[in-house]
Amino acid sequence: MDTNFWGTVVGTREASRFFREGNPPGVVGRVIQVSSMRGVFDQPVYTFYCATMFGSMHSQLSTAPLRASRKELDPSWNIKPTCFAPGHTASAGHQKEYWTEPHPAYTDPALPSNQMRGLFRHFVPPGDTCKVMQRCYDLARSRTRRSTSRSGDDALGLVKKEIETMDKYASLTREWSKAILAVVSS
């Protein structure tokens, strides 16, 4: 939590302060937060990591106290925050990942967490770290205002799947949701 969430919040806040107070008028300041696709969707075994990535992504993208976000920044400051979430990348972090043995109550092989452990024990991420970093440099030089950027076919596929799932659940609860709307009369 300290690194993944608060590190991002404080780093973004300080970079925004630096750009706001130090850049001459007309000079663009871009804050690029490298996050994870696990901030977009949840995954067994990675529950708390997913939560920190979700929090850090949304601290940059939504309105929240003490967080520099695109909705809180005065457009005249010319600061462009971007959250970059690449797909699975063969990074040093992935190579240092280790798995603890599950609690005896959770040893059923049919549990999603154990299936995930089985899949990821020998998983080799397809993403090229050098190409991911090149995309970060491309974003830094880009004149386009992007709030989010995903890269990798796996990342884009997961985003599309998450949108479809959210749409499905929204459709299932549409009538129920209408029943709780307040009626305002003048």
C-alpha atoms as a PDB file:
ATOM      1  CA  MET A   1       0.000   0.000   0.000  1.00  0.00           C
ATOM      2  CA  ASP A   2       2.791   2.423   0.898  1.00  0.00           C
ATOM      3  CA  THR A   3       4.592   1.939  -2.419  1.00  0.00           C
ATOM      4  CA  ASN A   4       1.847   1.085  -4.895  1.00  0.00           C
ATOM      5  CA  PHE A   5      -0.749   3.576  -3.673  1.00  0.00           C
ATOM      6  CA  TRP A   6       0.778   6.313  -1.520  1.00  0.00           C
ATOM      7  CA  GLY A   7       4.006   6.380  -3.521  1.00  0.00           C
ATOM      8  CA  THR A   8       1.974   7.127  -6.628  1.00  0.00           C
ATOM      9  CA  VAL A   9      -0.218   9.714  -4.912  1.00  0.00           C
ATOM     10  CA  VAL A  10       2.692  11.622  -3.377  1.00  0.00           C
ATOM     11  CA  GLY A  11       4.817  11.364  -6.535  1.00  0.00           C
ATOM     12  CA  THR A  12       1.999  12.675  -8.725  1.00  0.00           C
ATOM     13  CA  ARG A  13       1.212  15.485  -6.278  1.00  0.00           C
ATOM     14  CA  GLU A  14       4.847  16.603  -6.145  1.00  0.00           C
ATOM     15  CA  ALA A  15       5.367  16.365  -9.914  1.00  0.00           C
ATOM     16  CA  SER A  16       2.211  18.446 -10.422  1.00  0.00           C
ATOM     17  CA  ARG A  17       3.453  21.046  -7.937  1.00  0.00           C
ATOM     18  CA  PHE A  18       6.812  21.186  -9.737  1.00  0.00           C
ATOM     19  CA  PHE A  19       5.159  21.644 -13.162  1.00  0.00           C
ATOM     20  CA  ARG A  20       2.628  24.173 -11.838  1.00  0.00           C
ATOM     21  CA  GLU A  21       5.200  26.328 -10.057  1.00  0.00           C
ATOM     22  CA  GLY A  22       8.307  25.793 -12.199  1.00  0.00           C
ATOM     23  CA  ASN A  23       7.244  25.538 -15.815  1.00  0.00           C
ATOM     24  CA  PRO A  24       7.034  28.726 -17.848  1.00  0.00           C
ATOM     25  CA  PRO A  25       3.614  29.424 -19.414  1.00  0.00           C
ATOM     26  CA  GLY A  26       2.985  27.221 -22.438  1.00  0.00           C
ATOM     27  CA  VAL A  27       5.400  24.473 -21.401  1.00  0.00           C
ATOM     28  CA  VAL A  28       3.716  21.102 -20.962  1.00  0.00           C
ATOM     29  CA  GLY A  29       4.298  18.907 -17.931  1.00  0.00           C
ATOM     30  CA  ARG A  30       3.377  15.260 -18.317  1.00  0.00           C
ATOM     31  CA  VAL A  31       3.052  12.936 -15.331  1.00  0.00           C
ATOM     32  CA  ILE A  32       3.160   9.310 -16.440  1.00  0.00           C
ATOM     33  CA  GLN A  33       2.137   6.758 -13.878  1.00  0.00           C
ATOM     34  CA  VAL A  34       3.064   3.210 -14.852  1.00  0.00           C
ATOM     35  CA  SER A  35       0.445   0.983 -13.303  1.00  0.00           C
ATOM     36  CA  SER A  36      -0.818  -2.502 -14.038  1.00  0.00           C
ATOM     37  CA  MET A  37      -3.692  -4.088 -15.863  1.00  0.00           C
ATOM     38  CA  ARG A  38      -4.501  -5.667 -12.525  1.00  0.00           C
ATOM     39  CA  GLY A  39      -5.860  -2.254 -11.571  1.00  0.00           C
ATOM     40  CA  VAL A  40      -8.563  -2.747 -14.214  1.00  0.00           C
ATOM     41  CA  PHE A  41      -9.668  -6.273 -13.364  1.00  0.00           C
ATOM     42  CA  ASP A  42      -9.397  -8.508 -10.339  1.00  0.00           C
ATOM     43  CA  GLN A  43      -7.525 -11.774 -10.334  1.00  0.00           C
ATOM     44  CA  PRO A  44      -7.354 -14.622  -7.818  1.00  0.00           C
ATOM     45  CA  VAL A  45      -4.182 -14.688  -5.682  1.00  0.00           C
ATOM     46  CA  TYR A  46      -3.466 -11.030  -6.557  1.00  0.00           C
ATOM     47  CA  THR A  47      -6.365  -9.550  -4.572  1.00  0.00           C
ATOM     48  CA  PHE A  48      -4.457  -6.946  -2.564  1.00  0.00           C
ATOM     49  CA  TYR A  49      -2.114  -6.040  -5.407  1.00  0.00           C
ATOM     50  CA  CYS A  50      -5.171  -5.478  -7.649  1.00  0.00           C
ATOM     51  CA  ALA A  51      -6.690  -3.228  -4.977  1.00  0.00           C
ATOM     52  CA  THR A  52      -3.552  -1.073  -4.724  1.00  0.00           C
ATOM     53  CA  MET A  53      -3.302  -0.781  -8.512  1.00  0.00           C
ATOM     54  CA  PHE A  54      -6.995   0.139  -8.784  1.00  0.00           C
ATOM     55  CA  GLY A  55      -6.509   2.785  -6.101  1.00  0.00           C
ATOM     56  CA  SER A  56      -3.398   4.259  -7.680  1.00  0.00           C
ATOM     57  CA  MET A  57      -4.958   4.354 -11.154  1.00  0.00           C
ATOM     58  CA  HIS A  58      -8.090   6.055  -9.920  1.00  0.00           C
ATOM     59  CA  SER A  59      -6.241   8.512  -7.688  1.00  0.00           C
ATOM     60  CA  GLN A  60      -4.739   9.831 -10.905  1.00  0.00           C
ATOM     61  CA  LEU A  61      -7.934   9.693 -12.942  1.00  0.00           C
ATOM     62  CA  SER A  62     -10.705  10.827 -10.611  1.00  0.00           C
ATOM     63  CA  THR A  63     -11.420  13.605  -8.178  1.00  0.00           C
ATOM     64  CA  ALA A  64     -10.077  12.917  -4.687  1.00  0.00           C
ATOM     65  CA  PRO A  65      -8.556  15.072  -1.921  1.00  0.00           C
ATOM     66  CA  LEU A  66      -4.780  15.672  -2.059  1.00  0.00           C
ATOM     67  CA  ARG A  67      -4.466  13.817  -5.350  1.00  0.00           C
ATOM     68  CA  ALA A  68      -3.398  15.494  -8.551  1.00  0.00           C
ATOM     69  CA  SER A  69      -5.936  14.343 -11.080  1.00  0.00           C
ATOM     70  CA  ARG A  70      -6.948  15.525 -14.488  1.00  0.00           C
ATOM     71  CA  LYS A  71     -10.284  16.702 -13.087  1.00  0.00           C
ATOM     72  CA  GLU A  72      -8.621  18.804 -10.396  1.00  0.00           C
ATOM     73  CA  LEU A  73      -5.851  20.401 -12.421  1.00  0.00           C
ATOM     74  CA  ASP A  74      -6.389  23.898 -13.770  1.00  0.00           C
ATOM     75  CA  PRO A  75      -6.074  23.615 -17.581  1.00  0.00           C
ATOM     76  CA  SER A  76      -3.871  26.731 -17.611  1.00  0.00           C
ATOM     77  CA  TRP A  77      -1.153  24.771 -15.746  1.00  0.00           C
ATOM     78  CA  ASN A  78      -0.785  22.588 -18.858  1.00  0.00           C
ATOM     79  CA  ILE A  79      -0.169  19.392 -16.856  1.00  0.00           C
ATOM     80  CA  LYS A  80      -1.122  16.168 -18.583  1.00  0.00           C
ATOM     81  CA  PRO A  81      -1.412  13.164 -16.255  1.00  0.00           C
ATOM     82  CA  THR A  82      -1.451   9.776 -17.948  1.00  0.00           C
ATOM     83  CA  CYS A  83      -1.900   6.371 -16.399  1.00  0.00           C
ATOM     84  CA  PHE A  84      -0.070   3.772 -18.477  1.00  0.00           C
ATOM     85  CA  ALA A  85      -1.065   0.151 -17.854  1.00  0.00           C
ATOM     86  CA  PRO A  86       0.891  -2.322 -19.966  1.00  0.00           C
ATOM     87  CA  GLY A  87      -0.021  -5.972 -20.266  1.00  0.00           C
ATOM     88  CA  HIS A  88       2.052  -8.815 -18.835  1.00  0.00           C
ATOM     89  CA  THR A  89       5.685  -7.749 -19.160  1.00  0.00           C
ATOM     90  CA  ALA A  90       8.844  -9.769 -18.618  1.00  0.00           C
ATOM     91  CA  SER A  91      10.208  -7.460 -15.913  1.00  0.00           C
ATOM     92  CA  ALA A  92      12.570  -7.954 -12.999  1.00  0.00           C
ATOM     93  CA  GLY A  93       9.547  -7.668 -10.701  1.00  0.00           C
ATOM     94  CA  HIS A  94       7.879 -10.628 -12.345  1.00  0.00           C
ATOM     95  CA  GLN A  95      11.073 -12.642 -12.050  1.00  0.00           C
ATOM     96  CA  LYS A  96      11.187 -11.998  -8.289  1.00  0.00           C
ATOM     97  CA  GLU A  97       7.583 -13.041  -7.739  1.00  0.00           C
ATOM     98  CA  TYR A  98       7.147 -15.909  -5.328  1.00  0.00           C
ATOM     99  CA  TRP A  99       4.186 -17.942  -4.155  1.00  0.00           C
ATOM    100  CA  THR A 100       3.343 -18.891  -0.619  1.00  0.00           C
ATOM    101  CA  GLU A 101       1.622 -22.174   0.027  1.00  0.00           C
ATOM    102  CA  PRO A 102      -2.126 -21.814   0.481  1.00  0.00           C
ATOM    103  CA  HIS A 103      -3.751 -22.258   3.869  1.00  0.00           C
ATOM    104  CA  PRO A 104      -4.894 -25.893   4.325  1.00  0.00           C
ATOM    105  CA  ALA A 105      -8.542 -24.774   4.069  1.00  0.00           C
ATOM    106  CA  TYR A 106      -7.843 -23.536   0.525  1.00  0.00           C
ATOM    107  CA  THR A 107      -6.146 -26.533  -1.091  1.00  0.00           C
ATOM    108  CA  ASP A 108      -9.035 -27.641  -3.335  1.00  0.00           C
ATOM    109  CA  PRO A 109      -7.543 -27.679  -6.878  1.00  0.00           C
ATOM    110  CA  ALA A 110     -10.864 -26.411  -8.280  1.00  0.00           C
ATOM    111  CA  LEU A 111     -10.566 -23.074  -6.460  1.00  0.00           C
ATOM    112  CA  PRO A 112      -9.755 -20.203  -8.846  1.00  0.00           C
ATOM    113  CA  SER A 113      -6.775 -19.199  -6.702  1.00  0.00           C
ATOM    114  CA  ASN A 114      -5.201 -22.653  -7.043  1.00  0.00           C
ATOM    115  CA  GLN A 115      -5.904 -22.734 -10.759  1.00  0.00           C
ATOM    116  CA  MET A 116      -4.169 -19.356 -11.046  1.00  0.00           C
ATOM    117  CA  ARG A 117      -1.191 -20.614  -9.045  1.00  0.00           C
ATOM    118  CA  GLY A 118      -0.912 -23.545 -11.453  1.00  0.00           C
ATOM    119  CA  LEU A 119      -1.042 -21.297 -14.505  1.00  0.00           C
ATOM    120  CA  PHE A 120       1.418 -18.737 -13.216  1.00  0.00           C
ATOM    121  CA  ARG A 121       4.070 -21.044 -11.762  1.00  0.00           C
ATOM    122  CA  HIS A 122       5.614 -21.423 -15.215  1.00  0.00           C
ATOM    123  CA  PHE A 123       4.123 -18.392 -16.954  1.00  0.00           C
ATOM    124  CA  VAL A 124       6.444 -16.396 -19.197  1.00  0.00           C
ATOM    125  CA  PRO A 125       5.050 -12.895 -19.801  1.00  0.00           C
ATOM    126  CA  PRO A 126       4.855 -12.030 -23.505  1.00  0.00           C
ATOM    127  CA  GLY A 127       5.532  -8.287 -23.110  1.00  0.00           C
ATOM    128  CA  ASP A 128       8.946  -6.878 -23.981  1.00  0.00           C
ATOM    129  CA  THR A 129      10.199  -4.510 -21.252  1.00  0.00           C
ATOM    130  CA  CYS A 130      12.196  -2.388 -23.707  1.00  0.00           C
ATOM    131  CA  LYS A 131       9.136  -1.902 -25.929  1.00  0.00           C
ATOM    132  CA  VAL A 132       7.013  -0.983 -22.902  1.00  0.00           C
ATOM    133  CA  MET A 133       9.548   1.650 -21.887  1.00  0.00           C
ATOM    134  CA  GLN A 134       9.641   2.962 -25.465  1.00  0.00           C
ATOM    135  CA  ARG A 135       5.860   3.451 -25.210  1.00  0.00           C
ATOM    136  CA  CYS A 136       6.439   5.476 -22.015  1.00  0.00           C
ATOM    137  CA  TYR A 137       8.864   7.739 -23.905  1.00  0.00           C
ATOM    138  CA  ASP A 138       6.349   8.002 -26.753  1.00  0.00           C
ATOM    139  CA  LEU A 139       3.672   9.081 -24.257  1.00  0.00           C
ATOM    140  CA  ALA A 140       6.013  11.653 -22.730  1.00  0.00           C
ATOM    141  CA  ARG A 141       6.606  13.253 -26.142  1.00  0.00           C
ATOM    142  CA  SER A 142       2.995  12.972 -27.292  1.00  0.00           C
ATOM    143  CA  ARG A 143       0.984  16.143 -27.760  1.00  0.00           C
ATOM    144  CA  THR A 144      -2.260  14.187 -27.378  1.00  0.00           C
ATOM    145  CA  ARG A 145      -3.978  14.498 -24.035  1.00  0.00           C
ATOM    146  CA  ARG A 146      -4.502  10.939 -22.837  1.00  0.00           C
ATOM    147  CA  SER A 147      -5.758  10.062 -19.398  1.00  0.00           C
ATOM    148  CA  THR A 148      -5.114   6.346 -19.834  1.00  0.00           C
ATOM    149  CA  SER A 149      -3.078   4.244 -22.161  1.00  0.00           C
ATOM    150  CA  ARG A 150      -3.085   0.481 -22.343  1.00  0.00           C
ATOM    151  CA  SER A 151      -0.617  -1.500 -24.398  1.00  0.00           C
ATOM    152  CA  GLY A 152      -0.370  -5.103 -25.426  1.00  0.00           C
ATOM    153  CA  ASP A 153      -3.006  -7.296 -27.001  1.00  0.00           C
ATOM    154  CA  ASP A 154      -3.507  -9.058 -23.663  1.00  0.00           C
ATOM    155  CA  ALA A 155      -4.192  -5.732 -21.939  1.00  0.00           C
ATOM    156  CA  LEU A 156      -6.658  -4.542 -24.582  1.00  0.00           C
ATOM    157  CA  GLY A 157      -8.425  -7.903 -24.569  1.00  0.00           C
ATOM    158  CA  LEU A 158      -8.824  -7.750 -20.790  1.00  0.00           C
ATOM    159  CA  VAL A 159     -10.244  -4.223 -20.941  1.00  0.00           C
ATOM    160  CA  LYS A 160     -12.798  -5.279 -23.560  1.00  0.00           C
ATOM    161  CA  LYS A 161     -13.750  -8.321 -21.496  1.00  0.00           C
ATOM    162  CA  GLU A 162     -14.165  -6.187 -18.364  1.00  0.00           C
ATOM    163  CA  ILE A 163     -16.402  -3.732 -20.257  1.00  0.00           C
ATOM    164  CA  GLU A 164     -18.561  -6.615 -21.512  1.00  0.00           C
ATOM    165  CA  THR A 165     -18.849  -8.008 -17.969  1.00  0.00           C
ATOM    166  CA  MET A 166     -19.767  -4.604 -16.531  1.00  0.00           C
ATOM    167  CA  ASP A 167     -22.368  -4.100 -19.266  1.00  0.00           C
ATOM    168  CA  LYS A 168     -23.842  -7.543 -18.577  1.00  0.00           C
ATOM    169  CA  TYR A 169     -24.205  -6.817 -14.850  1.00  0.00           C
ATOM    170  CA  ALA A 170     -25.599  -3.357 -15.535  1.00  0.00           C
ATOM    171  CA  SER A 171     -28.251  -4.910 -17.796  1.00  0.00           C
ATOM    172  CA  LEU A 172     -29.154  -7.491 -15.157  1.00  0.00           C
ATOM    173  CA  THR A 173     -29.722  -4.816 -12.525  1.00  0.00           C
ATOM    174  CA  ARG A 174     -31.280  -2.121 -14.712  1.00  0.00           C
ATOM    175  CA  GLU A 175     -34.874  -2.568 -13.469  1.00  0.00           C
ATOM    176  CA  TRP A 176     -33.772  -2.970  -9.862  1.00  0.00           C
ATOM    177  CA  SER A 177     -31.669   0.186 -10.156  1.00  0.00           C
ATOM    178  CA  LYS A 178     -34.582   2.214 -11.534  1.00  0.00           C
ATOM    179  CA  ALA A 179     -36.644   1.265  -8.484  1.00  0.00           C
ATOM    180  CA  ILE A 180     -34.236   3.022  -6.116  1.00  0.00           C
ATOM    181  CA  LEU A 181     -33.966   6.364  -7.912  1.00  0.00           C
ATOM    182  CA  ALA A 182     -35.316   9.269  -5.940  1.00  0.00           C
ATOM    183  CA  VAL A 183     -38.185  11.156  -7.512  1.00  0.00           C
ATOM    184  CA  VAL A 184     -37.615  14.881  -7.359  1.00  0.00           C
ATOM    185  CA  SER A 185     -40.553  17.185  -7.848  1.00  0.00           C
ATOM    186  CA  SER A 186     -40.535  20.933  -7.983  1.00  0.00           C
END
